[in-house]
Amino acid sequence: MVKVKTFSSQLRIFHVKEELETLDKTVNEFLKKNKIKKVVSVSDSATANIDGGTMGLIRVVAYE
């Protein structure tokens, strides 16, 4: 059975690299903690504020 888990991260100017590394670490810890061996899909989507600037990132992981 395929399951889906969503992760999110706020992106702040001048801190994006660190925030993306933290998001990667969070996802990897989830996979390790739950002993997930098969990832079906990983997808990122940016969220925007009313001015059109990127303000966050949503990562969706589908796994078995």
C-alpha atoms as a PDB file:
ATOM      1  CA  MET A   1       0.000   0.000   0.000  1.00  0.00           C
ATOM      2  CA  VAL A   2       1.332   3.445  -0.932  1.00  0.00           C
ATOM      3  CA  LYS A   3       1.321   6.072   1.823  1.00  0.00           C
ATOM      4  CA  VAL A   4       1.919   9.812   1.568  1.00  0.00           C
ATOM      5  CA  LYS A   5       3.663  12.145   4.021  1.00  0.00           C
ATOM      6  CA  THR A   6       3.853  15.921   3.656  1.00  0.00           C
ATOM      7  CA  PHE A   7       6.647  18.124   5.006  1.00  0.00           C
ATOM      8  CA  SER A   8       6.877  21.899   4.889  1.00  0.00           C
ATOM      9  CA  SER A   9       9.493  24.564   5.369  1.00  0.00           C
ATOM     10  CA  GLN A  10       9.384  28.328   5.587  1.00  0.00           C
ATOM     11  CA  LEU A  11      11.921  29.972   3.292  1.00  0.00           C
ATOM     12  CA  ARG A  12      13.530  33.167   4.561  1.00  0.00           C
ATOM     13  CA  ILE A  13      15.781  35.350   2.478  1.00  0.00           C
ATOM     14  CA  PHE A  14      19.494  34.597   2.989  1.00  0.00           C
ATOM     15  CA  HIS A  15      18.649  31.362   4.851  1.00  0.00           C
ATOM     16  CA  VAL A  16      17.269  29.204   2.040  1.00  0.00           C
ATOM     17  CA  LYS A  17      20.254  26.852   1.774  1.00  0.00           C
ATOM     18  CA  GLU A  18      20.153  26.014   5.493  1.00  0.00           C
ATOM     19  CA  GLU A  19      16.374  25.599   5.460  1.00  0.00           C
ATOM     20  CA  LEU A  20      16.538  23.210   2.490  1.00  0.00           C
ATOM     21  CA  GLU A  21      19.251  21.191   4.242  1.00  0.00           C
ATOM     22  CA  THR A  22      17.046  21.034   7.357  1.00  0.00           C
ATOM     23  CA  LEU A  23      14.081  19.877   5.261  1.00  0.00           C
ATOM     24  CA  ASP A  24      16.243  17.160   3.646  1.00  0.00           C
ATOM     25  CA  LYS A  25      17.432  16.052   7.081  1.00  0.00           C
ATOM     26  CA  THR A  26      13.860  15.930   8.420  1.00  0.00           C
ATOM     27  CA  VAL A  27      12.688  13.776   5.496  1.00  0.00           C
ATOM     28  CA  ASN A  28      15.686  11.441   5.773  1.00  0.00           C
ATOM     29  CA  GLU A  29      15.151  11.030   9.534  1.00  0.00           C
ATOM     30  CA  PHE A  30      11.482  10.175   8.918  1.00  0.00           C
ATOM     31  CA  LEU A  31      12.457   7.525   6.356  1.00  0.00           C
ATOM     32  CA  LYS A  32      15.101   6.046   8.655  1.00  0.00           C
ATOM     33  CA  LYS A  33      12.930   6.121  11.800  1.00  0.00           C
ATOM     34  CA  ASN A  34      10.059   4.350  10.042  1.00  0.00           C
ATOM     35  CA  LYS A  35      12.384   1.892   8.258  1.00  0.00           C
ATOM     36  CA  ILE A  36      11.016   2.845   4.853  1.00  0.00           C
ATOM     37  CA  LYS A  37      12.878   0.996   2.129  1.00  0.00           C
ATOM     38  CA  LYS A  38      10.921   2.005  -0.961  1.00  0.00           C
ATOM     39  CA  VAL A  39      10.192   5.619  -1.912  1.00  0.00           C
ATOM     40  CA  VAL A  40       7.823   5.883  -4.859  1.00  0.00           C
ATOM     41  CA  SER A  41       7.904   9.643  -5.417  1.00  0.00           C
ATOM     42  CA  VAL A  42       9.243  12.895  -4.007  1.00  0.00           C
ATOM     43  CA  SER A  43       7.742  16.193  -5.131  1.00  0.00           C
ATOM     44  CA  ASP A  44       8.446  19.789  -4.116  1.00  0.00           C
ATOM     45  CA  SER A  45       6.112  22.725  -4.574  1.00  0.00           C
ATOM     46  CA  ALA A  46       6.763  26.351  -3.708  1.00  0.00           C
ATOM     47  CA  THR A  47       4.209  28.513  -1.933  1.00  0.00           C
ATOM     48  CA  ALA A  48       3.957  32.222  -2.669  1.00  0.00           C
ATOM     49  CA  ASN A  49       2.810  35.308  -0.816  1.00  0.00           C
ATOM     50  CA  ILE A  50       0.469  37.930  -2.286  1.00  0.00           C
ATOM     51  CA  ASP A  51       3.407  39.748  -3.879  1.00  0.00           C
ATOM     52  CA  GLY A  52       4.384  36.594  -5.776  1.00  0.00           C
ATOM     53  CA  GLY A  53       7.547  35.945  -3.753  1.00  0.00           C
ATOM     54  CA  THR A  54       8.372  32.426  -2.678  1.00  0.00           C
ATOM     55  CA  MET A  55       7.739  32.046   1.038  1.00  0.00           C
ATOM     56  CA  GLY A  56       7.749  28.309   1.627  1.00  0.00           C
ATOM     57  CA  LEU A  57       8.209  24.842   0.291  1.00  0.00           C
ATOM     58  CA  ILE A  58       6.002  21.774   0.555  1.00  0.00           C
ATOM     59  CA  ARG A  59       7.612  18.371   0.012  1.00  0.00           C
ATOM     60  CA  VAL A  60       5.398  15.338  -0.552  1.00  0.00           C
ATOM     61  CA  VAL A  61       6.885  11.855  -0.212  1.00  0.00           C
ATOM     62  CA  ALA A  62       5.019   8.776  -1.430  1.00  0.00           C
ATOM     63  CA  TYR A  63       6.355   5.513  -0.030  1.00  0.00           C
ATOM     64  CA  GLU A  64       5.523   1.868   0.584  1.00  0.00           C
END
